[in-house]
Amino acid sequence: MHVRDLTLTNFRSYPGASLTLSPGVTTLLGRNGQGKTNIIEAIGYVATLGSHRVASDQPMVRFGEDSAIVRSTVIRDGRESLVELEIIPGKANRARLNRSPAGRQRDVLGTLRTVLCP
């Protein structure tokens, strides 16, 4: 299982970002404050619908914006799944799986599984 593509819109410090990842180990390099942890947080959000850094959704939305979008293509057992999450502080967040609205946001849980090591 791996994340092949990750696209962020108004997520934390990113007005927009797009990454293509390969299977195996990925190393993020950069100076302090450049958004490395934000990428890890976004991937974790796809897997758990929560943040390892904050309890509420508001800090994940770029300052001055109403919502953030995290879009991820997950490859699992040779199958591709597209998970799209819209984070809307103070309102119900929205989820789509393979371009179809999920009945509940938690319906996307299990599409991506991660382990976070401190």
PDB file of N, CA and C in Angstrom:
ATOM      1  N   MET A   1       0.845  -1.159   0.000  1.00  0.00           N
ATOM      2  CA  MET A   1       0.000   0.000   0.000  1.00  0.00           C
ATOM      3  C   MET A   1       0.899   1.232   0.000  1.00  0.00           C
ATOM      4  N   HIS A   2       0.519   2.212  -0.811  1.00  0.00           N
ATOM      5  CA  HIS A   2       1.241   3.483  -0.763  1.00  0.00           C
ATOM      6  C   HIS A   2       0.393   4.620  -1.324  1.00  0.00           C
ATOM      7  N   VAL A   3       0.771   5.831  -0.934  1.00  0.00           N
ATOM      8  CA  VAL A   3       0.148   7.032  -1.482  1.00  0.00           C
ATOM      9  C   VAL A   3       0.912   7.369  -2.756  1.00  0.00           C
ATOM     10  N   ARG A   4       0.211   7.402  -3.872  1.00  0.00           N
ATOM     11  CA  ARG A   4       0.866   7.741  -5.133  1.00  0.00           C
ATOM     12  C   ARG A   4       0.847   9.244  -5.382  1.00  0.00           C
ATOM     13  N   ASP A   5      -0.287   9.860  -5.119  1.00  0.00           N
ATOM     14  CA  ASP A   5      -0.427  11.303  -5.346  1.00  0.00           C
ATOM     15  C   ASP A   5      -1.061  11.943  -4.128  1.00  0.00           C
ATOM     16  N   LEU A   6      -0.593  13.141  -3.806  1.00  0.00           N
ATOM     17  CA  LEU A   6      -1.169  13.932  -2.725  1.00  0.00           C
ATOM     18  C   LEU A   6      -1.301  15.361  -3.222  1.00  0.00           C
ATOM     19  N   THR A   7      -2.512  15.903  -3.121  1.00  0.00           N
ATOM     20  CA  THR A   7      -2.759  17.283  -3.525  1.00  0.00           C
ATOM     21  C   THR A   7      -3.405  18.002  -2.360  1.00  0.00           C
ATOM     22  N   LEU A   8      -2.863  19.162  -2.022  1.00  0.00           N
ATOM     23  CA  LEU A   8      -3.369  19.969  -0.915  1.00  0.00           C
ATOM     24  C   LEU A   8      -3.832  21.313  -1.447  1.00  0.00           C
ATOM     25  N   THR A   9      -4.968  21.767  -0.961  1.00  0.00           N
ATOM     26  CA  THR A   9      -5.491  23.094  -1.284  1.00  0.00           C
ATOM     27  C   THR A   9      -5.864  23.776   0.024  1.00  0.00           C
ATOM     28  N   ASN A  10      -5.220  24.888   0.310  1.00  0.00           N
ATOM     29  CA  ASN A  10      -5.461  25.666   1.533  1.00  0.00           C
ATOM     30  C   ASN A  10      -5.279  24.841   2.794  1.00  0.00           C
ATOM     31  N   PHE A  11      -4.376  23.889   2.756  1.00  0.00           N
ATOM     32  CA  PHE A  11      -4.077  23.063   3.924  1.00  0.00           C
ATOM     33  C   PHE A  11      -2.842  23.622   4.619  1.00  0.00           C
ATOM     34  N   ARG A  12      -3.018  24.064   5.867  1.00  0.00           N
ATOM     35  CA  ARG A  12      -1.934  24.629   6.673  1.00  0.00           C
ATOM     36  C   ARG A  12      -1.216  25.741   5.903  1.00  0.00           C
ATOM     37  N   SER A  13       0.077  25.565   5.638  1.00  0.00           N
ATOM     38  CA  SER A  13       0.861  26.621   4.988  1.00  0.00           C
ATOM     39  C   SER A  13       0.789  26.571   3.466  1.00  0.00           C
ATOM     40  N   TYR A  14       0.064  25.611   2.920  1.00  0.00           N
ATOM     41  CA  TYR A  14       0.039  25.420   1.471  1.00  0.00           C
ATOM     42  C   TYR A  14      -1.218  26.003   0.826  1.00  0.00           C
ATOM     43  N   PRO A  15      -1.083  27.058   0.010  1.00  0.00           N
ATOM     44  CA  PRO A  15      -2.245  27.484  -0.779  1.00  0.00           C
ATOM     45  C   PRO A  15      -2.576  26.393  -1.803  1.00  0.00           C
ATOM     46  N   GLY A  16      -1.547  25.714  -2.266  1.00  0.00           N
ATOM     47  CA  GLY A  16      -1.695  24.595  -3.189  1.00  0.00           C
ATOM     48  C   GLY A  16      -0.396  23.832  -3.264  1.00  0.00           C
ATOM     49  N   ALA A  17      -0.483  22.525  -3.299  1.00  0.00           N
ATOM     50  CA  ALA A  17       0.713  21.686  -3.423  1.00  0.00           C
ATOM     51  C   ALA A  17       0.298  20.360  -4.023  1.00  0.00           C
ATOM     52  N   SER A  18       1.208  19.773  -4.790  1.00  0.00           N
ATOM     53  CA  SER A  18       0.938  18.481  -5.404  1.00  0.00           C
ATOM     54  C   SER A  18       2.227  17.664  -5.378  1.00  0.00           C
ATOM     55  N   LEU A  19       2.127  16.437  -4.890  1.00  0.00           N
ATOM     56  CA  LEU A  19       3.279  15.537  -4.815  1.00  0.00           C
ATOM     57  C   LEU A  19       2.943  14.217  -5.483  1.00  0.00           C
ATOM     58  N   THR A  20       3.914  13.658  -6.164  1.00  0.00           N
ATOM     59  CA  THR A  20       3.802  12.297  -6.665  1.00  0.00           C
ATOM     60  C   THR A  20       4.840  11.479  -5.919  1.00  0.00           C
ATOM     61  N   LEU A  21       4.399  10.395  -5.305  1.00  0.00           N
ATOM     62  CA  LEU A  21       5.276   9.574  -4.471  1.00  0.00           C
ATOM     63  C   LEU A  21       5.398   8.179  -5.066  1.00  0.00           C
ATOM     64  N   SER A  22       6.502   7.530  -4.773  1.00  0.00           N
ATOM     65  CA  SER A  22       6.756   6.163  -5.231  1.00  0.00           C
ATOM     66  C   SER A  22       6.653   5.207  -4.052  1.00  0.00           C
ATOM     67  N   PRO A  23       6.441   3.925  -4.311  1.00  0.00           N
ATOM     68  CA  PRO A  23       6.444   2.955  -3.213  1.00  0.00           C
ATOM     69  C   PRO A  23       7.800   2.959  -2.515  1.00  0.00           C
ATOM     70  N   GLY A  24       7.796   2.629  -1.255  1.00  0.00           N
ATOM     71  CA  GLY A  24       9.038   2.589  -0.494  1.00  0.00           C
ATOM     72  C   GLY A  24       9.173   3.810   0.393  1.00  0.00           C
ATOM     73  N   VAL A  25      10.373   4.013   0.871  1.00  0.00           N
ATOM     74  CA  VAL A  25      10.664   5.099   1.805  1.00  0.00           C
ATOM     75  C   VAL A  25      10.763   6.427   1.062  1.00  0.00           C
ATOM     76  N   THR A  26      10.121   7.439   1.609  1.00  0.00           N
ATOM     77  CA  THR A  26      10.206   8.800   1.085  1.00  0.00           C
ATOM     78  C   THR A  26      10.819   9.673   2.161  1.00  0.00           C
ATOM     79  N   THR A  27      11.779  10.489   1.792  1.00  0.00           N
ATOM     80  CA  THR A  27      12.420  11.407   2.720  1.00  0.00           C
ATOM     81  C   THR A  27      12.056  12.829   2.330  1.00  0.00           C
ATOM     82  N   LEU A  28      11.552  13.591   3.289  1.00  0.00           N
ATOM     83  CA  LEU A  28      11.226  14.997   3.061  1.00  0.00           C
ATOM     84  C   LEU A  28      12.342  15.835   3.675  1.00  0.00           C
ATOM     85  N   LEU A  29      12.963  16.651   2.865  1.00  0.00           N
ATOM     86  CA  LEU A  29      14.058  17.497   3.319  1.00  0.00           C
ATOM     87  C   LEU A  29      13.684  18.959   3.168  1.00  0.00           C
ATOM     88  N   GLY A  30      14.089  19.755   4.112  1.00  0.00           N
ATOM     89  CA  GLY A  30      13.834  21.189   4.026  1.00  0.00           C
ATOM     90  C   GLY A  30      14.151  21.858   5.345  1.00  0.00           C
ATOM     91  N   ARG A  31      14.177  23.168   5.309  1.00  0.00           N
ATOM     92  CA  ARG A  31      14.450  23.952   6.498  1.00  0.00           C
ATOM     93  C   ARG A  31      13.233  23.935   7.419  1.00  0.00           C
ATOM     94  N   ASN A  32      13.438  24.364   8.643  1.00  0.00           N
ATOM     95  CA  ASN A  32      12.340  24.481   9.597  1.00  0.00           C
ATOM     96  C   ASN A  32      11.263  25.404   9.037  1.00  0.00           C
ATOM     97  N   GLY A  33      10.014  25.025   9.242  1.00  0.00           N
ATOM     98  CA  GLY A  33       8.900  25.874   8.839  1.00  0.00           C
ATOM     99  C   GLY A  33       8.530  25.811   7.371  1.00  0.00           C
ATOM    100  N   GLN A  34       9.082  24.868   6.622  1.00  0.00           N
ATOM    101  CA  GLN A  34       8.770  24.798   5.198  1.00  0.00           C
ATOM    102  C   GLN A  34       7.613  23.863   4.864  1.00  0.00           C
ATOM    103  N   GLY A  35       7.044  23.186   5.858  1.00  0.00           N
ATOM    104  CA  GLY A  35       5.843  22.401   5.608  1.00  0.00           C
ATOM    105  C   GLY A  35       6.012  20.895   5.524  1.00  0.00           C
ATOM    106  N   LYS A  36       7.149  20.378   5.959  1.00  0.00           N
ATOM    107  CA  LYS A  36       7.350  18.921   5.917  1.00  0.00           C
ATOM    108  C   LYS A  36       6.329  18.194   6.799  1.00  0.00           C
ATOM    109  N   THR A  37       6.153  18.682   8.006  1.00  0.00           N
ATOM    110  CA  THR A  37       5.206  18.050   8.924  1.00  0.00           C
ATOM    111  C   THR A  37       3.774  18.216   8.431  1.00  0.00           C
ATOM    112  N   ASN A  38       3.495  19.295   7.737  1.00  0.00           N
ATOM    113  CA  ASN A  38       2.148  19.491   7.178  1.00  0.00           C
ATOM    114  C   ASN A  38       1.804  18.384   6.185  1.00  0.00           C
ATOM    115  N   ILE A  39       2.776  17.947   5.418  1.00  0.00           N
ATOM    116  CA  ILE A  39       2.552  16.856   4.459  1.00  0.00           C
ATOM    117  C   ILE A  39       2.256  15.558   5.203  1.00  0.00           C
ATOM    118  N   ILE A  40       3.041  15.289   6.241  1.00  0.00           N
ATOM    119  CA  ILE A  40       2.805  14.083   7.046  1.00  0.00           C
ATOM    120  C   ILE A  40       1.425  14.142   7.700  1.00  0.00           C
ATOM    121  N   GLU A  41       1.059  15.323   8.206  1.00  0.00           N
ATOM    122  CA  GLU A  41      -0.247  15.498   8.829  1.00  0.00           C
ATOM    123  C   GLU A  41      -1.372  15.253   7.823  1.00  0.00           C
ATOM    124  N   ALA A  42      -1.227  15.736   6.602  1.00  0.00           N
ATOM    125  CA  ALA A  42      -2.255  15.544   5.572  1.00  0.00           C
ATOM    126  C   ALA A  42      -2.425  14.058   5.238  1.00  0.00           C
ATOM    127  N   ILE A  43      -1.325  13.343   5.108  1.00  0.00           N
ATOM    128  CA  ILE A  43      -1.407  11.898   4.838  1.00  0.00           C
ATOM    129  C   ILE A  43      -2.070  11.191   6.019  1.00  0.00           C
ATOM    130  N   GLY A  44      -1.699  11.566   7.229  1.00  0.00           N
ATOM    131  CA  GLY A  44      -2.321  10.992   8.417  1.00  0.00           C
ATOM    132  C   GLY A  44      -3.806  11.292   8.484  1.00  0.00           C
ATOM    133  N   TYR A  45      -4.196  12.482   8.034  1.00  0.00           N
ATOM    134  CA  TYR A  45      -5.613  12.854   8.035  1.00  0.00           C
ATOM    135  C   TYR A  45      -6.405  11.953   7.084  1.00  0.00           C
ATOM    136  N   VAL A  46      -5.826  11.624   5.943  1.00  0.00           N
ATOM    137  CA  VAL A  46      -6.491  10.709   5.005  1.00  0.00           C
ATOM    138  C   VAL A  46      -6.709   9.352   5.669  1.00  0.00           C
ATOM    139  N   ALA A  47      -5.743   8.914   6.459  1.00  0.00           N
ATOM    140  CA  ALA A  47      -5.836   7.591   7.092  1.00  0.00           C
ATOM    141  C   ALA A  47      -6.760   7.571   8.306  1.00  0.00           C
ATOM    142  N   THR A  48      -6.785   8.662   9.087  1.00  0.00           N
ATOM    143  CA  THR A  48      -7.472   8.619  10.377  1.00  0.00           C
ATOM    144  C   THR A  48      -8.595   9.636  10.545  1.00  0.00           C
ATOM    145  N   LEU A  49      -8.697  10.585   9.623  1.00  0.00           N
ATOM    146  CA  LEU A  49      -9.649  11.695   9.719  1.00  0.00           C
ATOM    147  C   LEU A  49      -9.395  12.558  10.948  1.00  0.00           C
ATOM    148  N   GLY A  50      -8.156  12.555  11.397  1.00  0.00           N
ATOM    149  CA  GLY A  50      -7.757  13.367  12.537  1.00  0.00           C
ATOM    150  C   GLY A  50      -6.313  13.802  12.388  1.00  0.00           C
ATOM    151  N   SER A  51      -5.914  14.708  13.237  1.00  0.00           N
ATOM    152  CA  SER A  51      -4.557  15.226  13.228  1.00  0.00           C
ATOM    153  C   SER A  51      -3.802  14.712  14.441  1.00  0.00           C
ATOM    154  N   HIS A  52      -2.528  14.427  14.250  1.00  0.00           N
ATOM    155  CA  HIS A  52      -1.681  14.059  15.380  1.00  0.00           C
ATOM    156  C   HIS A  52      -1.172  15.310  16.101  1.00  0.00           C
ATOM    157  N   ARG A  53      -1.503  16.497  15.572  1.00  0.00           N
ATOM    158  CA  ARG A  53      -0.982  17.744  16.125  1.00  0.00           C
ATOM    159  C   ARG A  53      -2.019  18.570  16.868  1.00  0.00           C
ATOM    160  N   VAL A  54      -3.266  18.560  16.419  1.00  0.00           N
ATOM    161  CA  VAL A  54      -4.308  19.414  16.998  1.00  0.00           C
ATOM    162  C   VAL A  54      -5.602  18.636  17.162  1.00  0.00           C
ATOM    163  N   ALA A  55      -6.460  19.122  18.052  1.00  0.00           N
ATOM    164  CA  ALA A  55      -7.731  18.444  18.318  1.00  0.00           C
ATOM    165  C   ALA A  55      -8.867  18.921  17.416  1.00  0.00           C
ATOM    166  N   SER A  56      -8.753  20.135  16.886  1.00  0.00           N
ATOM    167  CA  SER A  56      -9.836  20.660  16.045  1.00  0.00           C
ATOM    168  C   SER A  56      -9.352  20.837  14.600  1.00  0.00           C
ATOM    169  N   ASP A  57     -10.292  21.045  13.703  1.00  0.00           N
ATOM    170  CA  ASP A  57      -9.960  21.192  12.286  1.00  0.00           C
ATOM    171  C   ASP A  57      -9.448  22.578  11.907  1.00  0.00           C
ATOM    172  N   GLN A  58      -9.817  23.599  12.663  1.00  0.00           N
ATOM    173  CA  GLN A  58      -9.499  24.982  12.288  1.00  0.00           C
ATOM    174  C   GLN A  58      -8.019  25.210  11.947  1.00  0.00           C
ATOM    175  N   PRO A  59      -7.054  24.726  12.746  1.00  0.00           N
ATOM    176  CA  PRO A  59      -5.652  25.000  12.417  1.00  0.00           C
ATOM    177  C   PRO A  59      -5.176  24.374  11.104  1.00  0.00           C
ATOM    178  N   MET A  60      -5.903  23.384  10.597  1.00  0.00           N
ATOM    179  CA  MET A  60      -5.482  22.745   9.356  1.00  0.00           C
ATOM    180  C   MET A  60      -5.887  23.536   8.119  1.00  0.00           C
ATOM    181  N   VAL A  61      -6.783  24.498   8.304  1.00  0.00           N
ATOM    182  CA  VAL A  61      -7.233  25.335   7.181  1.00  0.00           C
ATOM    183  C   VAL A  61      -6.361  26.585   7.142  1.00  0.00           C
ATOM    184  N   ARG A  62      -5.819  26.858   5.989  1.00  0.00           N
ATOM    185  CA  ARG A  62      -4.943  28.019   5.794  1.00  0.00           C
ATOM    186  C   ARG A  62      -5.630  29.294   6.294  1.00  0.00           C
ATOM    187  N   PHE A  63      -4.879  30.129   6.987  1.00  0.00           N
ATOM    188  CA  PHE A  63      -5.424  31.349   7.573  1.00  0.00           C
ATOM    189  C   PHE A  63      -6.138  32.179   6.510  1.00  0.00           C
ATOM    190  N   GLY A  64      -7.364  32.604   6.824  1.00  0.00           N
ATOM    191  CA  GLY A  64      -8.145  33.437   5.917  1.00  0.00           C
ATOM    192  C   GLY A  64      -9.011  32.667   4.940  1.00  0.00           C
ATOM    193  N   GLU A  65      -8.916  31.354   4.931  1.00  0.00           N
ATOM    194  CA  GLU A  65      -9.705  30.523   4.012  1.00  0.00           C
ATOM    195  C   GLU A  65     -10.845  29.838   4.768  1.00  0.00           C
ATOM    196  N   ASP A  66     -11.891  29.467   4.044  1.00  0.00           N
ATOM    197  CA  ASP A  66     -13.062  28.826   4.651  1.00  0.00           C
ATOM    198  C   ASP A  66     -12.931  27.314   4.762  1.00  0.00           C
ATOM    199  N   SER A  67     -12.118  26.719   3.902  1.00  0.00           N
ATOM    200  CA  SER A  67     -11.991  25.263   3.907  1.00  0.00           C
ATOM    201  C   SER A  67     -10.652  24.854   3.313  1.00  0.00           C
ATOM    202  N   ALA A  68     -10.313  23.600   3.516  1.00  0.00           N
ATOM    203  CA  ALA A  68      -9.102  23.010   2.937  1.00  0.00           C
ATOM    204  C   ALA A  68      -9.500  21.703   2.273  1.00  0.00           C
ATOM    205  N   ILE A  69      -8.734  21.308   1.265  1.00  0.00           N
ATOM    206  CA  ILE A  69      -8.989  20.035   0.583  1.00  0.00           C
ATOM    207  C   ILE A  69      -7.705  19.213   0.583  1.00  0.00           C
ATOM    208  N   VAL A  70      -7.865  17.946   0.962  1.00  0.00           N
ATOM    209  CA  VAL A  70      -6.772  16.971   0.898  1.00  0.00           C
ATOM    210  C   VAL A  70      -7.244  15.881  -0.049  1.00  0.00           C
ATOM    211  N   ARG A  71      -6.489  15.665  -1.110  1.00  0.00           N
ATOM    212  CA  ARG A  71      -6.845  14.674  -2.138  1.00  0.00           C
ATOM    213  C   ARG A  71      -5.671  13.702  -2.254  1.00  0.00           C
ATOM    214  N   SER A  72      -5.967  12.413  -2.194  1.00  0.00           N
ATOM    215  CA  SER A  72      -4.909  11.417  -2.204  1.00  0.00           C
ATOM    216  C   SER A  72      -5.304  10.207  -3.048  1.00  0.00           C
ATOM    217  N   THR A  73      -4.385   9.766  -3.882  1.00  0.00           N
ATOM    218  CA  THR A  73      -4.576   8.518  -4.610  1.00  0.00           C
ATOM    219  C   THR A  73      -3.799   7.442  -3.865  1.00  0.00           C
ATOM    220  N   VAL A  74      -4.516   6.421  -3.430  1.00  0.00           N
ATOM    221  CA  VAL A  74      -3.938   5.332  -2.651  1.00  0.00           C
ATOM    222  C   VAL A  74      -3.909   4.076  -3.511  1.00  0.00           C
ATOM    223  N   ILE A  75      -2.761   3.428  -3.556  1.00  0.00           N
ATOM    224  CA  ILE A  75      -2.622   2.157  -4.271  1.00  0.00           C
ATOM    225  C   ILE A  75      -2.546   1.057  -3.219  1.00  0.00           C
ATOM    226  N   ARG A  76      -3.486   0.117  -3.308  1.00  0.00           N
ATOM    227  CA  ARG A  76      -3.546  -0.974  -2.328  1.00  0.00           C
ATOM    228  C   ARG A  76      -3.918  -2.255  -3.052  1.00  0.00           C
ATOM    229  N   ASP A  77      -3.079  -3.263  -2.936  1.00  0.00           N
ATOM    230  CA  ASP A  77      -3.313  -4.549  -3.603  1.00  0.00           C
ATOM    231  C   ASP A  77      -3.537  -4.372  -5.099  1.00  0.00           C
ATOM    232  N   GLY A  78      -2.793  -3.443  -5.704  1.00  0.00           N
ATOM    233  CA  GLY A  78      -2.891  -3.209  -7.143  1.00  0.00           C
ATOM    234  C   GLY A  78      -4.093  -2.389  -7.567  1.00  0.00           C
ATOM    235  N   ARG A  79      -4.922  -1.963  -6.613  1.00  0.00           N
ATOM    236  CA  ARG A  79      -6.116  -1.170  -6.925  1.00  0.00           C
ATOM    237  C   ARG A  79      -5.895   0.281  -6.512  1.00  0.00           C
ATOM    238  N   GLU A  80      -6.429   1.175  -7.287  1.00  0.00           N
ATOM    239  CA  GLU A  80      -6.301   2.604  -7.055  1.00  0.00           C
ATOM    240  C   GLU A  80      -7.591   3.156  -6.455  1.00  0.00           C
ATOM    241  N   SER A  81      -7.454   3.936  -5.375  1.00  0.00           N
ATOM    242  CA  SER A  81      -8.606   4.596  -4.764  1.00  0.00           C
ATOM    243  C   SER A  81      -8.281   6.075  -4.603  1.00  0.00           C
ATOM    244  N   LEU A  82      -9.230   6.918  -4.944  1.00  0.00           N
ATOM    245  CA  LEU A  82      -9.082   8.353  -4.784  1.00  0.00           C
ATOM    246  C   LEU A  82      -9.901   8.790  -3.576  1.00  0.00           C
ATOM    247  N   VAL A  83      -9.220   9.371  -2.586  1.00  0.00           N
ATOM    248  CA  VAL A  83      -9.877   9.884  -1.387  1.00  0.00           C
ATOM    249  C   VAL A  83      -9.786  11.408  -1.431  1.00  0.00           C
ATOM    250  N   GLU A  84     -10.936  12.059  -1.340  1.00  0.00           N
ATOM    251  CA  GLU A  84     -10.986  13.525  -1.328  1.00  0.00           C
ATOM    252  C   GLU A  84     -11.700  13.959  -0.058  1.00  0.00           C
ATOM    253  N   LEU A  85     -11.032  14.808   0.725  1.00  0.00           N
ATOM    254  CA  LEU A  85     -11.588  15.274   1.986  1.00  0.00           C
ATOM    255  C   LEU A  85     -11.616  16.790   1.992  1.00  0.00           C
ATOM    256  N   GLU A  86     -12.769  17.348   2.304  1.00  0.00           N
ATOM    257  CA  GLU A  86     -12.894  18.787   2.450  1.00  0.00           C
ATOM    258  C   GLU A  86     -13.080  19.079   3.936  1.00  0.00           C
ATOM    259  N   ILE A  87     -12.176  19.875   4.483  1.00  0.00           N
ATOM    260  CA  ILE A  87     -12.195  20.234   5.895  1.00  0.00           C
ATOM    261  C   ILE A  87     -12.851  21.606   6.011  1.00  0.00           C
ATOM    262  N   ILE A  88     -13.979  21.658   6.733  1.00  0.00           N
ATOM    263  CA  ILE A  88     -14.755  22.890   6.867  1.00  0.00           C
ATOM    264  C   ILE A  88     -14.960  23.154   8.365  1.00  0.00           C
ATOM    265  N   PRO A  89     -14.109  23.966   8.968  1.00  0.00           N
ATOM    266  CA  PRO A  89     -14.233  24.200  10.414  1.00  0.00           C
ATOM    267  C   PRO A  89     -15.619  24.722  10.791  1.00  0.00           C
ATOM    268  N   GLY A  90     -16.162  24.152  11.867  1.00  0.00           N
ATOM    269  CA  GLY A  90     -17.466  24.580  12.357  1.00  0.00           C
ATOM    270  C   GLY A  90     -18.642  23.963  11.626  1.00  0.00           C
ATOM    271  N   LYS A  91     -18.367  23.189  10.583  1.00  0.00           N
ATOM    272  CA  LYS A  91     -19.433  22.529   9.817  1.00  0.00           C
ATOM    273  C   LYS A  91     -19.038  21.074   9.584  1.00  0.00           C
ATOM    274  N   ALA A  92     -19.932  20.329   8.974  1.00  0.00           N
ATOM    275  CA  ALA A  92     -19.640  18.932   8.665  1.00  0.00           C
ATOM    276  C   ALA A  92     -18.632  18.857   7.518  1.00  0.00           C
ATOM    277  N   ASN A  93     -17.556  18.128   7.737  1.00  0.00           N
ATOM    278  CA  ASN A  93     -16.580  17.923   6.667  1.00  0.00           C
ATOM    279  C   ASN A  93     -17.192  16.999   5.617  1.00  0.00           C
ATOM    280  N   ARG A  94     -16.645  17.058   4.413  1.00  0.00           N
ATOM    281  CA  ARG A  94     -17.166  16.235   3.311  1.00  0.00           C
ATOM    282  C   ARG A  94     -16.101  15.265   2.837  1.00  0.00           C
ATOM    283  N   ALA A  95     -16.548  14.101   2.402  1.00  0.00           N
ATOM    284  CA  ALA A  95     -15.632  13.085   1.893  1.00  0.00           C
ATOM    285  C   ALA A  95     -16.173  12.509   0.595  1.00  0.00           C
ATOM    286  N   ARG A  96     -15.238  12.177  -0.294  1.00  0.00           N
ATOM    287  CA  ARG A  96     -15.578  11.503  -1.542  1.00  0.00           C
ATOM    288  C   ARG A  96     -14.608  10.335  -1.693  1.00  0.00           C
ATOM    289  N   LEU A  97     -15.112   9.243  -2.192  1.00  0.00           N
ATOM    290  CA  LEU A  97     -14.276   8.078  -2.468  1.00  0.00           C
ATOM    291  C   LEU A  97     -14.501   7.703  -3.918  1.00  0.00           C
ATOM    292  N   ASN A  98     -13.426   7.734  -4.691  1.00  0.00           N
ATOM    293  CA  ASN A  98     -13.489   7.461  -6.126  1.00  0.00           C
ATOM    294  C   ASN A  98     -14.515   8.359  -6.819  1.00  0.00           C
ATOM    295  N   ARG A  99     -14.484   9.637  -6.450  1.00  0.00           N
ATOM    296  CA  ARG A  99     -15.300  10.708  -7.021  1.00  0.00           C
ATOM    297  C   ARG A  99     -16.777  10.662  -6.637  1.00  0.00           C
ATOM    298  N   SER A 100     -17.176   9.699  -5.812  1.00  0.00           N
ATOM    299  CA  SER A 100     -18.565   9.615  -5.354  1.00  0.00           C
ATOM    300  C   SER A 100     -18.649  10.082  -3.905  1.00  0.00           C
ATOM    301  N   PRO A 101     -19.661  10.888  -3.584  1.00  0.00           N
ATOM    302  CA  PRO A 101     -19.798  11.336  -2.196  1.00  0.00           C
ATOM    303  C   PRO A 101     -19.947  10.147  -1.248  1.00  0.00           C
ATOM    304  N   ALA A 102     -19.219  10.200  -0.144  1.00  0.00           N
ATOM    305  CA  ALA A 102     -19.358   9.171   0.883  1.00  0.00           C
ATOM    306  C   ALA A 102     -20.570   9.530   1.733  1.00  0.00           C
ATOM    307  N   GLY A 103     -21.334   8.543   2.137  1.00  0.00           N
ATOM    308  CA  GLY A 103     -22.497   8.802   2.979  1.00  0.00           C
ATOM    309  C   GLY A 103     -22.094   9.496   4.270  1.00  0.00           C
ATOM    310  N   ARG A 104     -21.013   9.024   4.844  1.00  0.00           N
ATOM    311  CA  ARG A 104     -20.432   9.620   6.046  1.00  0.00           C
ATOM    312  C   ARG A 104     -18.938   9.749   5.791  1.00  0.00           C
ATOM    313  N   GLN A 105     -18.336  10.731   6.412  1.00  0.00           N
ATOM    314  CA  GLN A 105     -16.906  10.925   6.207  1.00  0.00           C
ATOM    315  C   GLN A 105     -16.127   9.673   6.612  1.00  0.00           C
ATOM    316  N   ARG A 106     -16.536   9.017   7.662  1.00  0.00           N
ATOM    317  CA  ARG A 106     -15.786   7.853   8.141  1.00  0.00           C
ATOM    318  C   ARG A 106     -15.853   6.656   7.197  1.00  0.00           C
ATOM    319  N   ASP A 107     -16.677   6.720   6.159  1.00  0.00           N
ATOM    320  CA  ASP A 107     -16.740   5.635   5.177  1.00  0.00           C
ATOM    321  C   ASP A 107     -15.427   5.470   4.413  1.00  0.00           C
ATOM    322  N   VAL A 108     -14.559   6.477   4.440  1.00  0.00           N
ATOM    323  CA  VAL A 108     -13.271   6.367   3.749  1.00  0.00           C
ATOM    324  C   VAL A 108     -12.191   5.750   4.636  1.00  0.00           C
ATOM    325  N   LEU A 109     -12.485   5.588   5.929  1.00  0.00           N
ATOM    326  CA  LEU A 109     -11.500   4.983   6.837  1.00  0.00           C
ATOM    327  C   LEU A 109     -11.133   3.577   6.369  1.00  0.00           C
ATOM    328  N   GLY A 110      -9.867   3.263   6.440  1.00  0.00           N
ATOM    329  CA  GLY A 110      -9.384   1.954   6.017  1.00  0.00           C
ATOM    330  C   GLY A 110      -8.846   1.951   4.605  1.00  0.00           C
ATOM    331  N   THR A 111      -9.139   2.983   3.833  1.00  0.00           N
ATOM    332  CA  THR A 111      -8.595   3.058   2.474  1.00  0.00           C
ATOM    333  C   THR A 111      -7.072   3.172   2.542  1.00  0.00           C
ATOM    334  N   LEU A 112      -6.592   3.978   3.484  1.00  0.00           N
ATOM    335  CA  LEU A 112      -5.156   4.128   3.731  1.00  0.00           C
ATOM    336  C   LEU A 112      -4.903   3.809   5.189  1.00  0.00           C
ATOM    337  N   ARG A 113      -3.895   3.006   5.446  1.00  0.00           N
ATOM    338  CA  ARG A 113      -3.493   2.683   6.812  1.00  0.00           C
ATOM    339  C   ARG A 113      -2.069   3.164   7.025  1.00  0.00           C
ATOM    340  N   THR A 114      -1.853   3.830   8.139  1.00  0.00           N
ATOM    341  CA  THR A 114      -0.532   4.377   8.431  1.00  0.00           C
ATOM    342  C   THR A 114      -0.126   4.043   9.857  1.00  0.00           C
ATOM    343  N   VAL A 115       1.169   4.191  10.122  1.00  0.00           N
ATOM    344  CA  VAL A 115       1.725   4.084  11.460  1.00  0.00           C
ATOM    345  C   VAL A 115       2.546   5.335  11.677  1.00  0.00           C
ATOM    346  N   LEU A 116       2.319   5.998  12.799  1.00  0.00           N
ATOM    347  CA  LEU A 116       3.070   7.201  13.135  1.00  0.00           C
ATOM    348  C   LEU A 116       3.996   6.872  14.287  1.00  0.00           C
ATOM    349  N   CYS A 117       5.285   7.031  14.056  1.00  0.00           N
ATOM    350  CA  CYS A 117       6.282   6.779  15.091  1.00  0.00           C
ATOM    351  C   CYS A 117       6.848   8.114  15.568  1.00  0.00           C
ATOM    352  N   PRO A 118       6.874   8.334  16.886  1.00  0.00           N
ATOM    353  CA  PRO A 118       7.391   9.608  17.390  1.00  0.00           C
ATOM    354  C   PRO A 118       8.885   9.747  17.186  1.00  0.00           C
TER     355      PRO A 118
END
